[in-house]
Amino acid sequence: MSYREAHQELELLWKVKISKGGMRDVTMRHGHVADALIQEKVAHLEATAPAPTAQPEQMVMCTDGAMVQLTSGEWREVKTVTFGEFRPYWDAKQHKVVTQTDSISYFSRVENADVFSRSALVEWHRRGGENAHTLVAVQDGALWIQSFIDYHCPQAIRVIDFAHAQEYVAAVGRAIHGAETDAFQQWYARMSKQLGRQPPQRTVNELRLLQRQHPDHPEGEAIELAIRYLEKRLPMIDYPHFRRQQIPIGSGNVESGHKVVMQQRMKQAGMRWAEENLNPMLALRVALCNQTWHTSWREIEACVRQERYSAYAKQKQDTTEATERRVVTDADCQRMTALAERIDRKRRHPWQNHKWIFPHRQESIHKN
């Protein structure tokens, strides 16, 4: 919920009065601690490489990015990866075996691709990705996502999201037949069915044939790019094979992850964010959505208390040192005693100070 909603709930239900600014400061202070804990865990995993304890049988990993607006008006990409365990089961309504994914967890950050790959080690290790017997990576084919998969699980079965592949097929059809024509609707329905049930080479060959039938089309470059995209990824769009293996072919998990983790809290009407507050808020949201809030909150509170104790201990040490500096030593007493004796001697023997003869003269008259 927003700071305004939290402020109202605390005041109405719990009779706790706190300003929205104070609530924001408390939230961000704990969010920065949660963000620092993630970085510490990443460094620990890279240094020690402990064996994960989770033992998933079949795991699916989906990766994607979504945009959030800053207070400056610029936009930043929130990268999200989801992990889930899939299994086939018999759907009595559809009268067929379908693949279901459950136990979904999320990890989101605003970072470049290389840093995000390292940061995701925390959730990858917690879910036991290295121990998965079968690992499937469903994504949209972006280059940074391919690098992300190479970093964590190069042996994973890579699948282009079926809806994403349909978009490239539709791009060719709209250019040839027109976007809203009946011919396009009928052609697209047939091609989508063919893409899902026939080998991918058949669909790509038919798109090439359609391109050759219109060699001088004004959108020829867009048609060529769409077909080439599918040609380069033929093993990733072999949907009949994936269905026979009962492998997920959709990345709806990460699409819903954007809504659950980021959009529900950070893309409400009129919201803009300071860039330094993005990852702290995402760290808290990930802990909440992954149902690890109690464990994460204990770690955060422990760090906050440790920081407070360290600050108190430093303040106490500074006070002790200042007190020790004010202690008068024996040497100080001896110096003060000698000074007092000199002053007293001058008072008892004023002739030793020649200024008493001629007060207006600054120098002694007995120089010799």
Protein backbone atom coordinates (compact mmCIF):
# COMPACT_ATOMS: atom_id res chain seq x y z
CA MET A 1 0.00 0.00 0.00
CA SER A 2 1.03 3.62 -0.44
CA TYR A 3 2.35 5.78 2.38
CA ARG A 4 -0.99 7.60 2.52
CA GLU A 5 -2.94 4.34 2.91
CA ALA A 6 -0.51 3.05 5.53
CA HIS A 7 -0.77 6.35 7.42
CA GLN A 8 -4.58 6.10 7.48
CA GLU A 9 -4.58 2.42 8.49
CA LEU A 10 -2.19 2.95 11.39
CA GLU A 11 -4.22 5.88 12.67
CA LEU A 12 -7.67 4.27 12.29
CA LEU A 13 -6.95 0.68 13.29
CA TRP A 14 -3.95 0.94 15.60
CA LYS A 15 -4.34 4.51 16.92
CA VAL A 16 -0.71 5.20 15.97
CA LYS A 17 -0.08 8.70 14.70
CA ILE A 18 2.89 9.12 12.40
CA SER A 19 3.34 11.50 9.51
CA LYS A 20 3.69 10.28 5.95
CA GLY A 21 7.19 11.74 5.85
CA GLY A 22 8.17 9.86 8.99
CA MET A 23 6.72 6.65 7.60
CA ARG A 24 8.66 7.15 4.38
CA ASP A 25 11.89 7.71 6.30
CA VAL A 26 11.42 4.57 8.42
CA THR A 27 10.53 2.47 5.37
CA MET A 28 13.49 3.66 3.33
CA ARG A 29 15.89 3.28 6.24
CA HIS A 30 14.94 -0.38 6.63
CA GLY A 31 14.83 -0.78 2.85
CA HIS A 32 18.43 0.38 2.52
CA VAL A 33 19.40 -2.18 5.16
CA ALA A 34 17.57 -4.92 3.22
CA ASP A 35 19.36 -3.82 0.04
CA ALA A 36 22.74 -3.96 1.80
CA LEU A 37 21.92 -7.44 3.13
CA ILE A 38 21.33 -8.69 -0.42
CA GLN A 39 24.74 -7.41 -1.50
CA GLU A 40 26.37 -9.04 1.54
CA LYS A 41 24.71 -12.36 0.74
CA VAL A 42 25.90 -12.17 -2.86
CA ALA A 43 29.48 -11.56 -1.73
CA HIS A 44 29.24 -14.46 0.72
CA LEU A 45 27.89 -16.83 -1.94
CA GLU A 46 30.61 -15.87 -4.39
CA ALA A 47 33.33 -16.29 -1.75
CA THR A 48 32.19 -19.59 -0.22
CA ALA A 49 29.95 -21.24 -2.88
CA PRO A 50 27.88 -23.25 -0.38
CA ALA A 51 25.73 -26.13 -1.63
CA PRO A 52 22.00 -25.29 -1.80
CA THR A 53 19.63 -27.27 0.39
CA ALA A 54 16.48 -27.15 -1.79
CA GLN A 55 15.96 -30.13 -4.12
CA PRO A 56 13.47 -29.18 -6.87
CA GLU A 57 12.67 -31.84 -9.44
CA GLN A 58 11.53 -29.60 -12.32
CA MET A 59 12.09 -25.86 -12.25
CA VAL A 60 11.07 -23.11 -14.66
CA MET A 61 12.80 -19.70 -14.75
CA CYS A 62 11.27 -16.65 -16.46
CA THR A 63 13.05 -13.31 -16.92
CA ASP A 64 11.80 -9.96 -18.19
CA GLY A 65 11.98 -6.20 -17.63
CA ALA A 66 9.43 -3.43 -16.99
CA MET A 67 9.80 0.35 -16.74
CA VAL A 68 9.28 2.66 -13.74
CA GLN A 69 9.36 6.46 -13.81
CA LEU A 70 11.76 8.61 -11.79
CA THR A 71 11.13 11.97 -10.18
CA SER A 72 13.30 13.51 -12.94
CA GLY A 73 10.88 12.22 -15.58
CA GLU A 74 13.31 9.56 -16.83
CA TRP A 75 12.53 5.85 -16.88
CA ARG A 76 14.45 2.90 -15.46
CA GLU A 77 14.06 -0.80 -16.24
CA VAL A 78 13.15 -3.07 -13.34
CA LYS A 79 14.53 -6.52 -14.18
CA THR A 80 12.60 -9.43 -12.67
CA VAL A 81 13.27 -13.15 -12.59
CA THR A 82 10.79 -15.72 -11.30
CA PHE A 83 11.42 -19.29 -10.21
CA GLY A 84 8.76 -21.98 -9.99
CA GLU A 85 8.30 -25.74 -9.98
CA PHE A 86 6.17 -27.25 -12.72
CA ARG A 87 4.41 -30.60 -13.03
CA PRO A 88 1.91 -32.14 -15.43
CA TYR A 89 -1.60 -33.05 -14.34
CA TRP A 90 -4.86 -34.17 -15.91
CA ASP A 91 -7.37 -31.37 -16.50
CA ALA A 92 -10.84 -32.91 -16.44
CA LYS A 93 -12.47 -29.85 -18.01
CA GLN A 94 -10.09 -29.72 -20.99
CA HIS A 95 -9.77 -33.52 -21.13
CA LYS A 96 -6.01 -33.37 -21.55
CA VAL A 97 -2.75 -33.22 -19.65
CA VAL A 98 -1.64 -29.66 -18.86
CA THR A 99 1.43 -28.25 -17.16
CA GLN A 100 0.96 -26.34 -13.91
CA THR A 101 3.55 -24.11 -12.22
CA ASP A 102 3.44 -23.42 -8.49
CA SER A 103 5.74 -22.38 -5.62
CA ILE A 104 6.62 -19.20 -7.52
CA SER A 105 9.15 -16.75 -6.08
CA TYR A 106 10.43 -13.42 -7.39
CA PHE A 107 13.58 -11.32 -7.50
CA SER A 108 13.63 -7.75 -8.85
CA ARG A 109 16.33 -5.09 -9.11
CA VAL A 110 17.20 -1.93 -11.05
CA GLU A 111 20.67 -2.83 -12.30
CA ASN A 112 22.52 -3.48 -15.52
CA ALA A 113 22.41 -7.03 -16.84
CA ASP A 114 25.77 -8.17 -15.46
CA VAL A 115 25.14 -6.89 -11.94
CA PHE A 116 21.59 -8.25 -11.96
CA SER A 117 22.91 -11.71 -12.86
CA ARG A 118 25.17 -11.62 -9.80
CA SER A 119 22.48 -10.24 -7.48
CA ALA A 120 20.01 -12.97 -8.50
CA LEU A 121 22.38 -15.54 -6.99
CA VAL A 122 20.55 -14.99 -3.69
CA GLU A 123 17.20 -16.30 -4.94
CA TRP A 124 18.81 -18.83 -7.30
CA HIS A 125 20.66 -20.41 -4.37
CA ARG A 126 17.63 -20.28 -2.05
CA ARG A 127 15.48 -22.13 -4.59
CA GLY A 128 18.19 -24.73 -5.28
CA GLY A 129 18.48 -24.13 -9.02
CA GLU A 130 21.73 -26.08 -9.21
CA ASN A 131 19.96 -29.19 -7.87
CA ALA A 132 17.05 -29.13 -10.33
CA HIS A 133 16.79 -32.29 -12.43
CA THR A 134 15.09 -30.40 -15.28
CA LEU A 135 15.49 -26.67 -15.75
CA VAL A 136 13.52 -24.67 -18.30
CA ALA A 137 14.10 -20.99 -19.12
CA VAL A 138 11.10 -19.29 -20.76
CA GLN A 139 11.78 -15.76 -21.98
CA ASP A 140 11.38 -13.34 -24.89
CA GLY A 141 14.76 -13.85 -26.55
CA ALA A 142 16.46 -10.60 -25.50
CA LEU A 143 20.26 -10.78 -25.57
CA TRP A 144 20.71 -9.75 -21.93
CA ILE A 145 18.34 -12.55 -20.90
CA GLN A 146 20.42 -15.06 -22.85
CA SER A 147 23.49 -13.84 -20.97
CA PHE A 148 21.58 -14.18 -17.70
CA ILE A 149 20.76 -17.82 -18.53
CA ASP A 150 24.38 -18.49 -19.53
CA TYR A 151 25.53 -17.14 -16.16
CA HIS A 152 23.24 -19.32 -14.02
CA CYS A 153 22.28 -22.39 -16.04
CA PRO A 154 23.77 -22.73 -19.54
CA GLN A 155 22.38 -26.27 -19.70
CA ALA A 156 18.77 -25.05 -19.34
CA ILE A 157 16.14 -25.82 -22.00
CA ARG A 158 15.47 -22.44 -23.62
CA VAL A 159 11.96 -21.61 -24.76
CA ILE A 160 10.71 -18.43 -26.43
CA ASP A 161 7.41 -17.36 -24.88
CA PHE A 162 4.67 -18.55 -27.23
CA ALA A 163 2.82 -15.22 -27.20
CA HIS A 164 6.08 -13.44 -28.01
CA ALA A 165 6.69 -15.67 -31.05
CA GLN A 166 3.10 -15.05 -32.16
CA GLU A 167 3.83 -11.30 -32.21
CA TYR A 168 6.52 -11.79 -34.88
CA VAL A 169 4.23 -13.98 -36.96
CA ALA A 170 1.50 -11.35 -36.63
CA ALA A 171 3.91 -8.58 -37.66
CA VAL A 172 4.41 -10.27 -41.03
CA GLY A 173 0.68 -10.85 -41.50
CA ARG A 174 -0.30 -7.29 -40.63
CA ALA A 175 2.23 -5.92 -43.11
CA ILE A 176 0.95 -8.16 -45.93
CA HIS A 177 -2.81 -8.39 -45.30
CA GLY A 178 -3.49 -5.27 -43.23
CA ALA A 179 -3.99 -5.01 -39.49
CA GLU A 180 -7.79 -5.10 -39.21
CA THR A 181 -8.79 -7.09 -42.28
CA ASP A 182 -10.72 -10.36 -42.26
CA ALA A 183 -7.96 -11.91 -44.37
CA PHE A 184 -5.43 -11.18 -41.63
CA GLN A 185 -7.67 -12.55 -38.88
CA GLN A 186 -8.21 -15.83 -40.72
CA TRP A 187 -4.55 -16.12 -41.72
CA TYR A 188 -3.30 -15.34 -38.18
CA ALA A 189 -5.63 -17.90 -36.56
CA ARG A 190 -4.35 -20.60 -38.92
CA MET A 191 -0.68 -19.64 -38.45
CA SER A 192 -0.95 -19.52 -34.66
CA LYS A 193 -2.45 -22.99 -34.62
CA GLN A 194 0.26 -24.20 -36.97
CA LEU A 195 3.02 -22.63 -34.85
CA GLY A 196 1.80 -24.49 -31.78
CA ARG A 197 1.27 -27.90 -33.44
CA GLN A 198 3.67 -28.16 -36.36
CA PRO A 199 7.49 -28.01 -36.53
CA PRO A 200 8.74 -24.40 -36.57
CA GLN A 201 10.47 -24.79 -39.96
CA ARG A 202 7.05 -25.11 -41.59
CA THR A 203 5.85 -21.79 -40.20
CA VAL A 204 9.09 -19.97 -41.10
CA ASN A 205 9.06 -21.42 -44.64
CA GLU A 206 5.50 -20.23 -45.17
CA LEU A 207 6.46 -16.75 -43.99
CA ARG A 208 9.38 -16.75 -46.46
CA LEU A 209 7.05 -17.78 -49.25
CA LEU A 210 4.69 -14.95 -48.36
CA GLN A 211 7.63 -12.53 -48.43
CA ARG A 212 8.72 -13.68 -51.88
CA GLN A 213 5.20 -13.16 -53.21
CA HIS A 214 5.50 -9.48 -52.24
CA PRO A 215 9.13 -8.59 -53.07
CA ASP A 216 8.51 -4.82 -53.38
CA HIS A 217 6.41 -4.39 -50.26
CA PRO A 218 7.02 -1.00 -48.55
CA GLU A 219 7.45 -2.74 -45.19
CA GLY A 220 9.89 -5.27 -46.57
CA GLU A 221 12.56 -4.45 -43.97
CA ALA A 222 10.19 -5.05 -41.03
CA ILE A 223 9.07 -8.34 -42.61
CA GLU A 224 12.67 -9.46 -43.05
CA LEU A 225 13.56 -8.63 -39.42
CA ALA A 226 10.56 -10.56 -38.07
CA ILE A 227 11.31 -13.67 -40.13
CA ARG A 228 15.02 -13.54 -39.36
CA TYR A 229 14.25 -13.32 -35.64
CA LEU A 230 12.31 -16.60 -35.81
CA GLU A 231 14.88 -18.29 -38.05
CA LYS A 232 17.69 -17.66 -35.57
CA ARG A 233 15.65 -19.21 -32.75
CA LEU A 234 14.17 -22.33 -34.32
CA PRO A 235 15.19 -24.65 -31.43
CA MET A 236 13.50 -22.27 -28.99
CA ILE A 237 10.14 -22.21 -30.82
CA ASP A 238 9.71 -25.96 -31.30
CA TYR A 239 6.45 -25.91 -29.38
CA PRO A 240 5.16 -29.37 -30.46
CA HIS A 241 8.32 -30.90 -28.98
CA PHE A 242 8.00 -28.88 -25.78
CA ARG A 243 4.38 -29.92 -25.35
CA ARG A 244 5.24 -33.57 -25.81
CA GLN A 245 7.86 -33.13 -23.09
CA GLN A 246 5.22 -31.36 -20.93
CA ILE A 247 7.41 -28.25 -20.67
CA PRO A 248 5.94 -24.76 -20.02
CA ILE A 249 5.87 -22.51 -23.08
CA GLY A 250 4.53 -19.30 -21.53
CA SER A 251 6.19 -16.63 -19.38
CA GLY A 252 3.06 -15.47 -17.61
CA ASN A 253 4.84 -15.98 -14.29
CA VAL A 254 7.17 -13.05 -14.83
CA GLU A 255 4.39 -10.89 -16.29
CA SER A 256 2.36 -11.41 -13.12
CA GLY A 257 5.58 -10.88 -11.15
CA HIS A 258 5.85 -7.35 -12.55
CA LYS A 259 2.34 -6.64 -11.31
CA VAL A 260 2.76 -8.26 -7.90
CA VAL A 261 6.24 -7.01 -7.00
CA MET A 262 6.63 -3.68 -8.76
CA GLN A 263 3.50 -2.27 -10.38
CA GLN A 264 1.13 -2.85 -7.47
CA ARG A 265 3.25 -0.63 -5.22
CA MET A 266 5.46 1.49 -7.48
CA LYS A 267 3.32 2.32 -10.52
CA GLN A 268 0.16 3.65 -8.97
CA ALA A 269 -1.42 6.80 -10.36
CA GLY A 270 0.99 9.72 -10.32
CA MET A 271 3.84 7.86 -8.61
CA ARG A 272 7.46 8.76 -9.33
CA TRP A 273 10.51 7.51 -7.50
CA ALA A 274 13.95 8.76 -6.54
CA GLU A 275 16.48 6.47 -8.17
CA GLU A 276 18.27 5.70 -4.90
CA ASN A 277 14.98 4.42 -3.40
CA LEU A 278 14.13 1.89 -6.11
CA ASN A 279 16.22 -1.08 -4.96
CA PRO A 280 15.46 -0.57 -1.23
CA MET A 281 11.72 -0.67 -1.94
CA LEU A 282 12.12 -3.66 -4.29
CA ALA A 283 14.09 -5.51 -1.59
CA LEU A 284 11.19 -5.10 0.83
CA ARG A 285 8.61 -6.02 -1.83
CA VAL A 286 10.50 -9.21 -2.77
CA ALA A 287 10.63 -10.29 0.87
CA LEU A 288 6.88 -9.71 1.20
CA CYS A 289 5.86 -11.40 -2.06
CA ASN A 290 8.14 -14.41 -1.45
CA GLN A 291 6.54 -14.94 1.97
CA THR A 292 9.93 -14.62 3.65
CA TRP A 293 9.02 -11.40 5.44
CA HIS A 294 9.44 -12.66 9.01
CA THR A 295 12.91 -14.07 8.35
CA SER A 296 14.00 -11.02 6.38
CA TRP A 297 12.61 -8.63 8.98
CA ARG A 298 14.54 -10.33 11.78
CA GLU A 299 17.74 -9.91 9.76
CA ILE A 300 16.93 -6.26 9.07
CA GLU A 301 16.14 -5.54 12.73
CA ALA A 302 19.36 -7.25 13.83
CA CYS A 303 21.37 -5.00 11.50
CA VAL A 304 19.53 -1.88 12.66
CA ARG A 305 20.17 -2.74 16.32
CA GLN A 306 23.81 -3.47 15.55
CA GLU A 307 24.18 -0.07 13.89
CA ARG A 308 22.55 1.63 16.88
CA TYR A 309 24.78 -0.25 19.33
CA SER A 310 27.88 0.63 17.29
CA ALA A 311 26.89 4.30 17.27
CA TYR A 312 26.23 4.22 21.03
CA ALA A 313 29.52 2.42 21.71
CA LYS A 314 31.45 4.95 19.61
CA GLN A 315 29.76 7.84 21.39
CA LYS A 316 30.58 6.29 24.77
CA GLN A 317 34.20 5.76 23.72
CA ASP A 318 34.51 9.37 22.56
CA THR A 319 33.07 10.55 25.89
CA THR A 320 35.52 8.36 27.83
CA GLU A 321 38.46 9.65 25.83
CA ALA A 322 37.38 13.25 26.39
CA THR A 323 37.06 12.57 30.12
CA GLU A 324 40.49 11.02 30.22
CA ARG A 325 41.95 14.05 28.46
CA ARG A 326 40.53 16.30 31.22
CA VAL A 327 42.27 14.38 34.06
CA VAL A 328 45.05 16.45 35.78
CA THR A 329 48.34 14.58 36.03
CA ASP A 330 51.23 15.02 38.52
CA ALA A 331 53.25 16.87 35.90
CA ASP A 332 50.40 19.37 35.52
CA CYS A 333 50.36 19.91 39.28
CA GLN A 334 54.11 20.51 39.38
CA ARG A 335 53.91 23.07 36.55
CA MET A 336 51.06 24.91 38.25
CA THR A 337 52.95 24.92 41.58
CA ALA A 338 56.07 26.39 39.94
CA LEU A 339 54.00 29.07 38.24
CA ALA A 340 52.31 30.01 41.52
CA GLU A 341 55.68 30.30 43.24
CA ARG A 342 57.03 32.67 40.58
CA ILE A 343 53.96 34.89 40.81
CA ASP A 344 54.16 34.98 44.60
CA ARG A 345 57.89 35.84 44.51
CA LYS A 346 57.27 38.82 42.24
CA ARG A 347 54.60 40.09 44.57
CA ARG A 348 56.89 39.83 47.64
CA HIS A 349 59.96 41.37 45.84
CA PRO A 350 58.64 44.03 43.46
CA TRP A 351 62.14 45.41 42.75
CA GLN A 352 62.83 42.37 40.72
CA ASN A 353 60.32 43.80 38.26
CA HIS A 354 61.81 47.14 37.08
CA LYS A 355 58.44 48.40 35.79
CA TRP A 356 57.55 49.65 39.30
CA ILE A 357 60.17 52.49 39.00
CA PHE A 358 58.99 53.92 35.67
CA PRO A 359 55.60 52.46 34.85
CA HIS A 360 55.48 54.36 31.54
CA ARG A 361 58.69 52.70 30.30
CA GLN A 362 58.35 49.39 28.59
CA GLU A 363 61.96 48.26 28.93
CA SER A 364 64.12 47.77 31.96
CA ILE A 365 66.49 50.66 32.91
CA HIS A 366 69.10 48.22 34.15
CA LYS A 367 70.01 46.65 30.87
CA ASN A 368 73.66 46.34 31.86
